[in-house]
Amino acid sequence: MSDKPKIRILSVDDHPLLREGISAVINSQPDMLMIAEAASAHDGMLQFRKHRPDVTLMDLRLPDMSGVDTIVAIRAEFPDARIIMLTTFEGDVEIQRALEAGARGYMLKSMPPKDLVEGIRQVHAGKKRIPAQLAAQLAEHISDEALTTREIEVLRQIAEGNRNRDIGEKLFITEETVKVHIKHIMEKLGASDRTQAIAIAIRRGIIHL
């Protein structure tokens, strides 16, 4: 083993078992060291300030704030922070948001440990890391027309089981306008009915239930 300094890693995840597993994988590598762990976004930011890790592993869903917002907050203070989103979610919209926020990598918790450590080394070396299957998913939807904020609001209301009239009342728009929004949502998502639209939106990370 050379005298090169080890890659210092911070893990931000609210599942103790997962943190412990990740820590075991990291510390078994000759060139890595888990220097700190955090169970919330707030604690993650404190630990980042304190330790200035080389690479941070960030969960997408944290109890107090989303991982994407946490990346934005950390990078506002430390623009060169190298952060990998480590998550169970593989929706293209989630990946897009994470990358736009400045994540250097997006990896799934279902991956083999060797892929994780390889990804950490790549990001530490200044490269980006997005696994092939996720990159393919991004490419598949890259030309899709995004839903507008209003369309996403309507979609959320549908997912909660509201009828057109109720949605109109809640969003202060006419029932006719709701129908137009639904038509656009179906077209953009390539869905044949409301149920399929909701299923596609959840899978792609456009809405969360």
N, C-alpha and C. Protein backbone atom coordinates (compact mmCIF):
# COMPACT_ATOMS: atom_id res chain seq x y z
N MET A 1 0.85 -1.21 0.00
CA MET A 1 0.00 0.00 0.00
C MET A 1 0.88 1.26 0.00
N SER A 2 0.55 2.20 -0.88
CA SER A 2 1.35 3.42 -0.95
C SER A 2 0.99 4.35 0.22
N ASP A 3 1.74 5.43 0.34
CA ASP A 3 1.47 6.39 1.41
C ASP A 3 0.45 7.44 1.01
N LYS A 4 -0.23 7.19 -0.12
CA LYS A 4 -1.23 8.15 -0.56
C LYS A 4 -2.30 8.30 0.51
N PRO A 5 -2.77 9.53 0.76
CA PRO A 5 -3.82 9.68 1.77
C PRO A 5 -5.09 8.94 1.34
N LYS A 6 -5.81 8.43 2.33
CA LYS A 6 -7.03 7.69 2.02
C LYS A 6 -8.16 8.64 1.60
N ILE A 7 -9.09 8.09 0.82
CA ILE A 7 -10.27 8.87 0.42
C ILE A 7 -11.19 8.94 1.64
N ARG A 8 -11.45 10.16 2.12
CA ARG A 8 -12.25 10.32 3.34
C ARG A 8 -13.71 10.50 2.97
N ILE A 9 -14.57 9.66 3.58
CA ILE A 9 -15.97 9.59 3.15
C ILE A 9 -16.95 9.90 4.27
N LEU A 10 -18.00 10.65 3.90
CA LEU A 10 -19.12 10.94 4.80
C LEU A 10 -20.35 10.23 4.24
N SER A 11 -21.09 9.53 5.10
CA SER A 11 -22.31 8.84 4.67
C SER A 11 -23.53 9.49 5.34
N VAL A 12 -24.48 9.94 4.51
CA VAL A 12 -25.70 10.57 5.04
C VAL A 12 -26.89 9.68 4.67
N ASP A 13 -27.42 8.97 5.65
CA ASP A 13 -28.52 8.03 5.41
C ASP A 13 -29.25 7.80 6.72
N ASP A 14 -30.59 7.76 6.66
CA ASP A 14 -31.32 7.62 7.94
C ASP A 14 -31.56 6.17 8.35
N HIS A 15 -31.00 5.19 7.61
CA HIS A 15 -31.15 3.79 8.02
C HIS A 15 -29.86 3.29 8.67
N PRO A 16 -29.87 3.06 9.99
CA PRO A 16 -28.64 2.65 10.70
C PRO A 16 -28.01 1.40 10.09
N LEU A 17 -28.84 0.44 9.71
CA LEU A 17 -28.32 -0.82 9.17
C LEU A 17 -27.56 -0.58 7.87
N LEU A 18 -28.14 0.28 7.05
CA LEU A 18 -27.49 0.60 5.77
C LEU A 18 -26.19 1.34 5.98
N ARG A 19 -26.22 2.32 6.91
CA ARG A 19 -24.99 3.07 7.20
C ARG A 19 -23.88 2.12 7.66
N GLU A 20 -24.29 1.16 8.51
CA GLU A 20 -23.30 0.22 9.04
C GLU A 20 -22.72 -0.65 7.93
N GLY A 21 -23.61 -1.09 7.02
CA GLY A 21 -23.16 -1.91 5.89
C GLY A 21 -22.21 -1.14 4.98
N ILE A 22 -22.58 0.10 4.68
CA ILE A 22 -21.75 0.94 3.80
C ILE A 22 -20.39 1.18 4.47
N SER A 23 -20.45 1.46 5.77
CA SER A 23 -19.22 1.72 6.52
C SER A 23 -18.28 0.51 6.47
N ALA A 24 -18.86 -0.68 6.62
CA ALA A 24 -18.05 -1.91 6.59
C ALA A 24 -17.38 -2.08 5.23
N VAL A 25 -18.14 -1.81 4.17
CA VAL A 25 -17.58 -1.91 2.80
C VAL A 25 -16.44 -0.91 2.62
N ILE A 26 -16.68 0.34 3.03
CA ILE A 26 -15.68 1.41 2.86
C ILE A 26 -14.41 1.09 3.64
N ASN A 27 -14.58 0.75 4.91
CA ASN A 27 -13.40 0.54 5.77
C ASN A 27 -12.62 -0.73 5.44
N SER A 28 -13.22 -1.60 4.61
CA SER A 28 -12.48 -2.81 4.20
C SER A 28 -11.58 -2.51 3.00
N GLN A 29 -11.73 -1.30 2.44
CA GLN A 29 -10.89 -0.90 1.30
C GLN A 29 -9.59 -0.27 1.80
N PRO A 30 -8.46 -0.67 1.23
CA PRO A 30 -7.18 -0.13 1.72
C PRO A 30 -7.02 1.38 1.50
N ASP A 31 -7.78 1.92 0.50
CA ASP A 31 -7.57 3.34 0.16
C ASP A 31 -8.72 4.23 0.62
N MET A 32 -9.59 3.73 1.54
CA MET A 32 -10.75 4.52 1.96
C MET A 32 -10.93 4.52 3.47
N LEU A 33 -11.62 5.57 3.93
CA LEU A 33 -11.89 5.67 5.36
C LEU A 33 -13.23 6.38 5.56
N MET A 34 -14.12 5.76 6.34
CA MET A 34 -15.39 6.42 6.67
C MET A 34 -15.10 7.35 7.85
N ILE A 35 -15.17 8.66 7.61
CA ILE A 35 -14.78 9.59 8.68
C ILE A 35 -15.97 10.08 9.50
N ALA A 36 -17.17 10.02 8.91
CA ALA A 36 -18.34 10.50 9.65
C ALA A 36 -19.62 9.95 9.04
N GLU A 37 -20.67 9.90 9.88
CA GLU A 37 -21.97 9.45 9.41
C GLU A 37 -23.03 10.41 9.93
N ALA A 38 -24.13 10.51 9.20
CA ALA A 38 -25.23 11.39 9.64
C ALA A 38 -26.55 10.73 9.26
N ALA A 39 -27.59 10.97 10.08
CA ALA A 39 -28.89 10.35 9.84
C ALA A 39 -29.92 11.36 9.32
N SER A 40 -29.50 12.62 9.17
CA SER A 40 -30.43 13.64 8.67
C SER A 40 -29.66 14.64 7.81
N ALA A 41 -30.41 15.42 7.05
CA ALA A 41 -29.78 16.44 6.19
C ALA A 41 -29.04 17.47 7.05
N HIS A 42 -29.69 17.91 8.11
CA HIS A 42 -29.12 18.92 9.00
C HIS A 42 -27.78 18.44 9.57
N ASP A 43 -27.80 17.20 10.08
CA ASP A 43 -26.58 16.63 10.66
C ASP A 43 -25.53 16.42 9.56
N GLY A 44 -26.00 16.03 8.37
CA GLY A 44 -25.08 15.83 7.25
C GLY A 44 -24.31 17.10 6.93
N MET A 45 -25.03 18.24 6.95
CA MET A 45 -24.37 19.52 6.66
C MET A 45 -23.36 19.89 7.75
N LEU A 46 -23.74 19.61 9.00
CA LEU A 46 -22.82 19.89 10.12
C LEU A 46 -21.55 19.05 9.99
N GLN A 47 -21.76 17.75 9.70
CA GLN A 47 -20.61 16.84 9.58
C GLN A 47 -19.73 17.24 8.40
N PHE A 48 -20.37 17.72 7.32
CA PHE A 48 -19.59 18.14 6.14
C PHE A 48 -18.69 19.32 6.50
N ARG A 49 -19.28 20.31 7.20
CA ARG A 49 -18.51 21.49 7.60
C ARG A 49 -17.32 21.11 8.49
N LYS A 50 -17.62 20.17 9.39
CA LYS A 50 -16.62 19.78 10.38
C LYS A 50 -15.47 18.98 9.75
N HIS A 51 -15.81 18.04 8.87
CA HIS A 51 -14.80 17.10 8.37
C HIS A 51 -14.30 17.37 6.96
N ARG A 52 -15.05 18.16 6.18
CA ARG A 52 -14.71 18.41 4.77
C ARG A 52 -14.31 17.09 4.07
N PRO A 53 -15.23 16.16 3.94
CA PRO A 53 -14.89 14.86 3.33
C PRO A 53 -14.50 15.00 1.86
N ASP A 54 -13.78 14.01 1.35
CA ASP A 54 -13.41 14.00 -0.07
C ASP A 54 -14.64 13.63 -0.92
N VAL A 55 -15.40 12.66 -0.42
CA VAL A 55 -16.61 12.21 -1.14
C VAL A 55 -17.73 12.01 -0.12
N THR A 56 -18.93 12.45 -0.48
CA THR A 56 -20.09 12.27 0.40
C THR A 56 -21.11 11.37 -0.30
N LEU A 57 -21.62 10.38 0.44
CA LEU A 57 -22.70 9.51 -0.07
C LEU A 57 -24.00 10.03 0.53
N MET A 58 -24.94 10.40 -0.33
CA MET A 58 -26.16 11.08 0.12
C MET A 58 -27.41 10.28 -0.25
N ASP A 59 -28.25 10.00 0.75
CA ASP A 59 -29.52 9.33 0.46
C ASP A 59 -30.49 10.35 -0.14
N LEU A 60 -31.40 9.88 -0.98
CA LEU A 60 -32.34 10.80 -1.64
C LEU A 60 -33.44 11.24 -0.68
N ARG A 61 -33.92 10.31 0.16
CA ARG A 61 -35.01 10.63 1.09
C ARG A 61 -34.45 10.71 2.50
N LEU A 62 -34.44 11.91 3.05
CA LEU A 62 -33.99 12.08 4.43
C LEU A 62 -35.15 12.62 5.24
N PRO A 63 -35.17 12.41 6.56
CA PRO A 63 -36.35 12.78 7.35
C PRO A 63 -36.67 14.27 7.35
N ASP A 64 -35.64 15.12 7.24
CA ASP A 64 -35.90 16.56 7.39
C ASP A 64 -35.84 17.35 6.08
N MET A 65 -35.25 16.78 5.05
CA MET A 65 -35.08 17.52 3.79
C MET A 65 -34.68 16.51 2.71
N SER A 66 -34.97 16.80 1.45
CA SER A 66 -34.58 15.83 0.42
C SER A 66 -33.08 15.88 0.19
N GLY A 67 -32.53 14.76 -0.27
CA GLY A 67 -31.10 14.70 -0.56
C GLY A 67 -30.70 15.73 -1.60
N VAL A 68 -31.60 15.97 -2.58
CA VAL A 68 -31.30 16.95 -3.63
C VAL A 68 -31.14 18.34 -3.03
N ASP A 69 -32.06 18.73 -2.14
CA ASP A 69 -31.97 20.05 -1.49
C ASP A 69 -30.72 20.14 -0.61
N THR A 70 -30.35 19.02 -0.01
CA THR A 70 -29.15 18.99 0.84
C THR A 70 -27.89 19.22 -0.01
N ILE A 71 -27.88 18.62 -1.20
CA ILE A 71 -26.74 18.83 -2.11
C ILE A 71 -26.63 20.31 -2.47
N VAL A 72 -27.78 20.90 -2.80
CA VAL A 72 -27.81 22.32 -3.16
C VAL A 72 -27.25 23.16 -2.01
N ALA A 73 -27.69 22.86 -0.78
CA ALA A 73 -27.25 23.62 0.40
C ALA A 73 -25.75 23.46 0.64
N ILE A 74 -25.25 22.23 0.55
CA ILE A 74 -23.81 21.99 0.79
C ILE A 74 -22.98 22.69 -0.29
N ARG A 75 -23.44 22.57 -1.55
CA ARG A 75 -22.64 23.14 -2.64
C ARG A 75 -22.71 24.67 -2.69
N ALA A 76 -23.72 25.24 -2.06
CA ALA A 76 -23.78 26.71 -1.97
C ALA A 76 -22.62 27.20 -1.11
N GLU A 77 -22.27 26.38 -0.12
CA GLU A 77 -21.17 26.73 0.79
C GLU A 77 -19.82 26.19 0.32
N PHE A 78 -19.87 24.99 -0.26
CA PHE A 78 -18.64 24.32 -0.73
C PHE A 78 -18.85 23.88 -2.18
N PRO A 79 -18.63 24.78 -3.14
CA PRO A 79 -18.95 24.50 -4.54
C PRO A 79 -18.25 23.27 -5.13
N ASP A 80 -17.08 22.91 -4.56
CA ASP A 80 -16.38 21.77 -5.14
C ASP A 80 -16.67 20.45 -4.40
N ALA A 81 -17.72 20.45 -3.58
CA ALA A 81 -18.09 19.21 -2.87
C ALA A 81 -18.37 18.09 -3.87
N ARG A 82 -17.82 16.92 -3.59
CA ARG A 82 -18.06 15.76 -4.46
C ARG A 82 -19.07 14.85 -3.78
N ILE A 83 -20.27 14.83 -4.33
CA ILE A 83 -21.37 14.10 -3.67
C ILE A 83 -21.96 13.07 -4.63
N ILE A 84 -22.15 11.86 -4.11
CA ILE A 84 -22.80 10.79 -4.87
C ILE A 84 -24.17 10.55 -4.26
N MET A 85 -25.20 10.57 -5.08
CA MET A 85 -26.55 10.23 -4.60
C MET A 85 -26.62 8.71 -4.55
N LEU A 86 -26.88 8.17 -3.37
CA LEU A 86 -26.96 6.71 -3.21
C LEU A 86 -28.38 6.40 -2.74
N THR A 87 -29.15 5.71 -3.57
CA THR A 87 -30.58 5.62 -3.31
C THR A 87 -31.20 4.33 -3.85
N THR A 88 -32.45 4.10 -3.50
CA THR A 88 -33.17 2.96 -4.06
C THR A 88 -34.00 3.43 -5.25
N PHE A 89 -34.08 4.75 -5.48
CA PHE A 89 -34.97 5.28 -6.51
C PHE A 89 -34.25 5.45 -7.84
N GLU A 90 -34.86 4.91 -8.91
CA GLU A 90 -34.19 5.02 -10.21
C GLU A 90 -35.02 5.74 -11.25
N GLY A 91 -35.91 6.63 -10.81
CA GLY A 91 -36.71 7.40 -11.77
C GLY A 91 -35.84 8.44 -12.46
N ASP A 92 -36.06 8.61 -13.77
CA ASP A 92 -35.20 9.53 -14.53
C ASP A 92 -35.31 10.97 -14.03
N VAL A 93 -36.50 11.34 -13.51
CA VAL A 93 -36.68 12.72 -13.04
C VAL A 93 -35.84 12.96 -11.79
N GLU A 94 -35.78 11.95 -10.93
CA GLU A 94 -34.94 12.05 -9.70
C GLU A 94 -33.47 12.21 -10.09
N ILE A 95 -33.04 11.41 -11.06
CA ILE A 95 -31.63 11.45 -11.47
C ILE A 95 -31.31 12.83 -12.02
N GLN A 96 -32.22 13.33 -12.88
CA GLN A 96 -32.05 14.64 -13.50
C GLN A 96 -31.91 15.72 -12.43
N ARG A 97 -32.82 15.67 -11.42
CA ARG A 97 -32.79 16.68 -10.35
C ARG A 97 -31.47 16.63 -9.59
N ALA A 98 -31.02 15.42 -9.29
CA ALA A 98 -29.78 15.26 -8.53
C ALA A 98 -28.59 15.82 -9.30
N LEU A 99 -28.54 15.51 -10.60
CA LEU A 99 -27.41 15.98 -11.41
C LEU A 99 -27.46 17.49 -11.58
N GLU A 100 -28.65 18.03 -11.74
CA GLU A 100 -28.78 19.49 -11.86
C GLU A 100 -28.36 20.18 -10.56
N ALA A 101 -28.59 19.50 -9.43
CA ALA A 101 -28.19 20.06 -8.13
C ALA A 101 -26.68 20.00 -7.93
N GLY A 102 -26.02 19.19 -8.77
CA GLY A 102 -24.56 19.13 -8.69
C GLY A 102 -24.00 17.80 -8.19
N ALA A 103 -24.84 16.76 -8.13
CA ALA A 103 -24.31 15.44 -7.74
C ALA A 103 -23.31 14.98 -8.80
N ARG A 104 -22.21 14.35 -8.34
CA ARG A 104 -21.19 13.87 -9.28
C ARG A 104 -21.45 12.42 -9.68
N GLY A 105 -22.37 11.79 -8.96
CA GLY A 105 -22.68 10.40 -9.27
C GLY A 105 -24.08 10.07 -8.78
N TYR A 106 -24.66 9.01 -9.35
CA TYR A 106 -25.99 8.56 -8.92
C TYR A 106 -25.93 7.05 -8.93
N MET A 107 -26.02 6.45 -7.73
CA MET A 107 -25.86 5.00 -7.64
C MET A 107 -26.98 4.38 -6.82
N LEU A 108 -27.26 3.13 -7.14
CA LEU A 108 -28.37 2.44 -6.46
C LEU A 108 -27.85 1.57 -5.32
N LYS A 109 -28.65 1.51 -4.25
CA LYS A 109 -28.25 0.70 -3.09
C LYS A 109 -28.26 -0.79 -3.41
N SER A 110 -28.90 -1.14 -4.53
CA SER A 110 -28.97 -2.56 -4.91
C SER A 110 -27.71 -3.02 -5.64
N MET A 111 -26.76 -2.11 -5.86
CA MET A 111 -25.55 -2.46 -6.61
C MET A 111 -24.58 -3.28 -5.78
N PRO A 112 -23.74 -4.08 -6.45
CA PRO A 112 -22.70 -4.81 -5.72
C PRO A 112 -21.72 -3.83 -5.07
N PRO A 113 -21.19 -4.16 -3.89
CA PRO A 113 -20.25 -3.27 -3.19
C PRO A 113 -19.07 -2.83 -4.07
N LYS A 114 -18.58 -3.73 -4.93
CA LYS A 114 -17.42 -3.37 -5.76
C LYS A 114 -17.76 -2.20 -6.70
N ASP A 115 -19.03 -2.13 -7.16
CA ASP A 115 -19.44 -1.01 -8.01
C ASP A 115 -19.45 0.30 -7.22
N LEU A 116 -19.88 0.20 -5.97
CA LEU A 116 -19.93 1.39 -5.12
C LEU A 116 -18.53 1.96 -4.91
N VAL A 117 -17.58 1.10 -4.51
CA VAL A 117 -16.23 1.61 -4.23
C VAL A 117 -15.55 2.12 -5.51
N GLU A 118 -15.86 1.46 -6.62
CA GLU A 118 -15.31 1.91 -7.91
C GLU A 118 -15.87 3.30 -8.25
N GLY A 119 -17.17 3.49 -7.98
CA GLY A 119 -17.82 4.78 -8.23
C GLY A 119 -17.21 5.87 -7.37
N ILE A 120 -16.93 5.55 -6.11
CA ILE A 120 -16.32 6.52 -5.19
C ILE A 120 -14.94 6.93 -5.71
N ARG A 121 -14.17 5.95 -6.16
CA ARG A 121 -12.82 6.26 -6.69
C ARG A 121 -12.92 7.17 -7.92
N GLN A 122 -13.88 6.88 -8.78
CA GLN A 122 -14.06 7.69 -10.00
C GLN A 122 -14.42 9.13 -9.65
N VAL A 123 -15.39 9.29 -8.75
CA VAL A 123 -15.83 10.64 -8.37
C VAL A 123 -14.70 11.38 -7.66
N HIS A 124 -13.96 10.66 -6.84
CA HIS A 124 -12.82 11.28 -6.14
C HIS A 124 -11.78 11.76 -7.14
N ALA A 125 -11.66 11.05 -8.25
CA ALA A 125 -10.68 11.41 -9.29
C ALA A 125 -11.20 12.52 -10.19
N GLY A 126 -12.41 13.03 -9.89
CA GLY A 126 -12.93 14.16 -10.65
C GLY A 126 -13.86 13.77 -11.79
N LYS A 127 -14.17 12.46 -11.90
CA LYS A 127 -15.07 12.02 -12.97
C LYS A 127 -16.51 11.96 -12.44
N LYS A 128 -17.44 11.72 -13.38
CA LYS A 128 -18.83 11.52 -12.98
C LYS A 128 -19.14 10.03 -13.07
N ARG A 129 -20.10 9.59 -12.28
CA ARG A 129 -20.41 8.16 -12.31
C ARG A 129 -21.93 7.96 -12.34
N ILE A 130 -22.43 7.50 -13.49
CA ILE A 130 -23.84 7.11 -13.59
C ILE A 130 -23.86 5.75 -14.27
N PRO A 131 -24.37 4.73 -13.60
CA PRO A 131 -24.38 3.39 -14.18
C PRO A 131 -25.13 3.35 -15.52
N ALA A 132 -24.72 2.42 -16.37
CA ALA A 132 -25.26 2.33 -17.73
C ALA A 132 -26.79 2.27 -17.77
N GLN A 133 -27.38 1.45 -16.88
CA GLN A 133 -28.85 1.29 -16.97
C GLN A 133 -29.56 2.60 -16.63
N LEU A 134 -28.98 3.40 -15.72
CA LEU A 134 -29.60 4.68 -15.37
C LEU A 134 -29.37 5.71 -16.48
N ALA A 135 -28.20 5.67 -17.09
CA ALA A 135 -27.91 6.58 -18.19
C ALA A 135 -28.87 6.32 -19.35
N ALA A 136 -29.17 5.03 -19.57
CA ALA A 136 -30.09 4.67 -20.66
C ALA A 136 -31.49 5.21 -20.37
N GLN A 137 -31.87 5.14 -19.10
CA GLN A 137 -33.18 5.64 -18.69
C GLN A 137 -33.28 7.16 -18.88
N LEU A 138 -32.20 7.85 -18.55
CA LEU A 138 -32.15 9.30 -18.75
C LEU A 138 -32.28 9.64 -20.22
N ALA A 139 -31.52 8.91 -21.04
CA ALA A 139 -31.52 9.16 -22.49
C ALA A 139 -32.90 8.92 -23.09
N GLU A 140 -33.58 7.90 -22.57
CA GLU A 140 -34.90 7.54 -23.10
C GLU A 140 -35.89 8.69 -22.97
N HIS A 141 -35.74 9.48 -21.90
CA HIS A 141 -36.73 10.54 -21.64
C HIS A 141 -36.19 11.95 -21.90
N ILE A 142 -34.97 12.02 -22.44
CA ILE A 142 -34.32 13.32 -22.55
C ILE A 142 -35.12 14.29 -23.43
N SER A 143 -35.80 13.76 -24.44
CA SER A 143 -36.55 14.65 -25.34
C SER A 143 -38.01 14.80 -24.92
N ASP A 144 -38.41 14.10 -23.86
CA ASP A 144 -39.80 14.22 -23.39
C ASP A 144 -40.09 15.65 -22.97
N GLU A 145 -41.30 16.07 -23.23
CA GLU A 145 -41.71 17.39 -22.76
C GLU A 145 -42.03 17.27 -21.27
N ALA A 146 -41.41 18.12 -20.47
CA ALA A 146 -41.62 18.04 -19.02
C ALA A 146 -43.03 18.51 -18.65
N LEU A 147 -43.55 17.96 -17.56
CA LEU A 147 -44.84 18.44 -17.06
C LEU A 147 -44.65 19.81 -16.43
N THR A 148 -45.64 20.67 -16.58
CA THR A 148 -45.57 21.98 -15.93
C THR A 148 -45.89 21.81 -14.44
N THR A 149 -45.58 22.84 -13.67
CA THR A 149 -45.87 22.81 -12.23
C THR A 149 -47.35 22.55 -11.99
N ARG A 150 -48.20 23.22 -12.77
CA ARG A 150 -49.65 23.05 -12.63
C ARG A 150 -50.08 21.61 -12.96
N GLU A 151 -49.49 21.05 -14.01
CA GLU A 151 -49.83 19.66 -14.39
C GLU A 151 -49.44 18.69 -13.29
N ILE A 152 -48.30 18.96 -12.67
CA ILE A 152 -47.86 18.08 -11.56
C ILE A 152 -48.83 18.21 -10.38
N GLU A 153 -49.30 19.43 -10.11
CA GLU A 153 -50.30 19.63 -9.04
C GLU A 153 -51.57 18.83 -9.33
N VAL A 154 -52.04 18.90 -10.57
CA VAL A 154 -53.26 18.17 -10.97
C VAL A 154 -53.03 16.66 -10.81
N LEU A 155 -51.86 16.21 -11.25
CA LEU A 155 -51.51 14.79 -11.16
C LEU A 155 -51.51 14.31 -9.70
N ARG A 156 -50.96 15.14 -8.82
CA ARG A 156 -50.95 14.79 -7.38
C ARG A 156 -52.37 14.65 -6.86
N GLN A 157 -53.24 15.57 -7.30
CA GLN A 157 -54.64 15.53 -6.86
C GLN A 157 -55.32 14.25 -7.36
N ILE A 158 -55.03 13.86 -8.59
CA ILE A 158 -55.60 12.62 -9.15
C ILE A 158 -55.11 11.44 -8.32
N ALA A 159 -53.81 11.45 -7.99
CA ALA A 159 -53.21 10.35 -7.23
C ALA A 159 -53.85 10.22 -5.85
N GLU A 160 -54.33 11.36 -5.33
CA GLU A 160 -55.01 11.33 -4.01
C GLU A 160 -56.47 10.91 -4.15
N GLY A 161 -56.88 10.62 -5.38
CA GLY A 161 -58.24 10.10 -5.59
C GLY A 161 -59.30 11.16 -5.79
N ASN A 162 -58.91 12.39 -6.06
CA ASN A 162 -59.90 13.45 -6.25
C ASN A 162 -60.49 13.43 -7.66
N ARG A 163 -61.77 13.80 -7.76
CA ARG A 163 -62.42 13.89 -9.07
C ARG A 163 -62.13 15.25 -9.69
N ASN A 164 -62.40 15.36 -10.99
CA ASN A 164 -62.10 16.61 -11.71
C ASN A 164 -62.69 17.84 -11.03
N ARG A 165 -63.97 17.70 -10.62
CA ARG A 165 -64.62 18.87 -10.03
C ARG A 165 -63.92 19.30 -8.74
N ASP A 166 -63.58 18.29 -7.91
CA ASP A 166 -62.88 18.59 -6.64
C ASP A 166 -61.52 19.23 -6.90
N ILE A 167 -60.82 18.70 -7.92
CA ILE A 167 -59.49 19.24 -8.26
C ILE A 167 -59.64 20.71 -8.66
N GLY A 168 -60.65 20.99 -9.49
CA GLY A 168 -60.91 22.36 -9.93
C GLY A 168 -61.12 23.29 -8.75
N GLU A 169 -61.94 22.82 -7.79
CA GLU A 169 -62.24 23.66 -6.61
C GLU A 169 -60.97 23.90 -5.78
N LYS A 170 -60.19 22.82 -5.61
CA LYS A 170 -58.98 22.95 -4.79
C LYS A 170 -57.95 23.87 -5.42
N LEU A 171 -57.84 23.82 -6.75
CA LEU A 171 -56.80 24.60 -7.43
C LEU A 171 -57.34 25.90 -8.02
N PHE A 172 -58.62 26.18 -7.73
CA PHE A 172 -59.27 27.41 -8.22
C PHE A 172 -59.23 27.53 -9.75
N ILE A 173 -59.54 26.42 -10.41
CA ILE A 173 -59.64 26.44 -11.88
C ILE A 173 -60.93 25.73 -12.27
N THR A 174 -61.39 25.92 -13.50
CA THR A 174 -62.65 25.29 -13.92
C THR A 174 -62.42 23.80 -14.19
N GLU A 175 -63.53 23.07 -14.18
CA GLU A 175 -63.46 21.64 -14.45
C GLU A 175 -62.93 21.41 -15.87
N GLU A 176 -63.30 22.28 -16.78
CA GLU A 176 -62.83 22.19 -18.18
C GLU A 176 -61.29 22.30 -18.24
N THR A 177 -60.75 23.26 -17.47
CA THR A 177 -59.29 23.45 -17.44
C THR A 177 -58.61 22.20 -16.88
N VAL A 178 -59.23 21.60 -15.86
CA VAL A 178 -58.68 20.36 -15.29
C VAL A 178 -58.59 19.29 -16.38
N LYS A 179 -59.66 19.18 -17.17
CA LYS A 179 -59.70 18.17 -18.25
C LYS A 179 -58.59 18.42 -19.28
N VAL A 180 -58.36 19.68 -19.60
CA VAL A 180 -57.29 20.03 -20.55
C VAL A 180 -55.93 19.62 -19.98
N HIS A 181 -55.72 19.93 -18.69
CA HIS A 181 -54.45 19.55 -18.04
C HIS A 181 -54.27 18.03 -18.08
N ILE A 182 -55.34 17.30 -17.78
CA ILE A 182 -55.25 15.83 -17.77
C ILE A 182 -54.90 15.30 -19.16
N LYS A 183 -55.50 15.91 -20.17
CA LYS A 183 -55.21 15.49 -21.57
C LYS A 183 -53.72 15.69 -21.86
N HIS A 184 -53.17 16.85 -21.45
CA HIS A 184 -51.74 17.11 -21.68
C HIS A 184 -50.86 16.14 -20.89
N ILE A 185 -51.26 15.85 -19.66
CA ILE A 185 -50.50 14.93 -18.81
C ILE A 185 -50.41 13.56 -19.49
N MET A 186 -51.57 13.07 -19.96
CA MET A 186 -51.63 11.75 -20.63
C MET A 186 -50.71 11.74 -21.86
N GLU A 187 -50.79 12.82 -22.65
CA GLU A 187 -49.97 12.88 -23.87
C GLU A 187 -48.49 12.88 -23.53
N LYS A 188 -48.11 13.70 -22.57
CA LYS A 188 -46.69 13.82 -22.23
C LYS A 188 -46.13 12.53 -21.62
N LEU A 189 -46.95 11.84 -20.85
CA LEU A 189 -46.47 10.61 -20.19
C LEU A 189 -46.70 9.37 -21.05
N GLY A 190 -47.46 9.54 -22.13
CA GLY A 190 -47.78 8.38 -22.97
C GLY A 190 -48.67 7.40 -22.23
N ALA A 191 -49.61 7.93 -21.45
CA ALA A 191 -50.50 7.09 -20.65
C ALA A 191 -51.88 6.99 -21.30
N SER A 192 -52.53 5.84 -21.11
CA SER A 192 -53.85 5.67 -21.74
C SER A 192 -54.99 6.01 -20.77
N ASP A 193 -54.70 6.00 -19.47
CA ASP A 193 -55.73 6.41 -18.52
C ASP A 193 -55.07 6.99 -17.26
N ARG A 194 -55.93 7.45 -16.34
CA ARG A 194 -55.42 8.13 -15.14
C ARG A 194 -54.53 7.23 -14.29
N THR A 195 -54.96 5.98 -14.14
CA THR A 195 -54.20 5.04 -13.31
C THR A 195 -52.80 4.83 -13.87
N GLN A 196 -52.73 4.67 -15.19
CA GLN A 196 -51.42 4.46 -15.82
C GLN A 196 -50.57 5.72 -15.69
N ALA A 197 -51.20 6.88 -15.82
CA ALA A 197 -50.47 8.15 -15.69
C ALA A 197 -49.81 8.24 -14.31
N ILE A 198 -50.56 7.86 -13.27
CA ILE A 198 -50.03 7.91 -11.90
C ILE A 198 -48.88 6.92 -11.76
N ALA A 199 -49.06 5.70 -12.30
CA ALA A 199 -48.02 4.66 -12.19
C ALA A 199 -46.72 5.12 -12.86
N ILE A 200 -46.85 5.70 -14.05
CA ILE A 200 -45.66 6.19 -14.79
C ILE A 200 -44.99 7.32 -14.00
N ALA A 201 -45.81 8.25 -13.49
CA ALA A 201 -45.26 9.42 -12.77
C ALA A 201 -44.51 8.98 -11.51
N ILE A 202 -45.03 7.97 -10.83
CA ILE A 202 -44.36 7.49 -9.61
C ILE A 202 -43.05 6.79 -9.99
N ARG A 203 -43.11 5.95 -11.03
CA ARG A 203 -41.91 5.22 -11.45
C ARG A 203 -40.79 6.17 -11.86
N ARG A 204 -41.17 7.25 -12.55
CA ARG A 204 -40.16 8.19 -13.03
C ARG A 204 -39.76 9.23 -11.98
N GLY A 205 -40.43 9.21 -10.82
CA GLY A 205 -40.05 10.14 -9.76
C GLY A 205 -40.63 11.53 -9.94
N ILE A 206 -41.70 11.66 -10.76
CA ILE A 206 -42.33 12.97 -10.95
C ILE A 206 -43.16 13.32 -9.73
N ILE A 207 -43.88 12.33 -9.21
CA ILE A 207 -44.62 12.53 -7.95
C ILE A 207 -44.26 11.39 -7.00
N HIS A 208 -44.47 11.62 -5.71
CA HIS A 208 -44.23 10.57 -4.71
C HIS A 208 -45.50 10.40 -3.89
N LEU A 209 -45.84 9.16 -3.59
CA LEU A 209 -47.03 8.96 -2.76
C LEU A 209 -46.63 8.86 -1.30
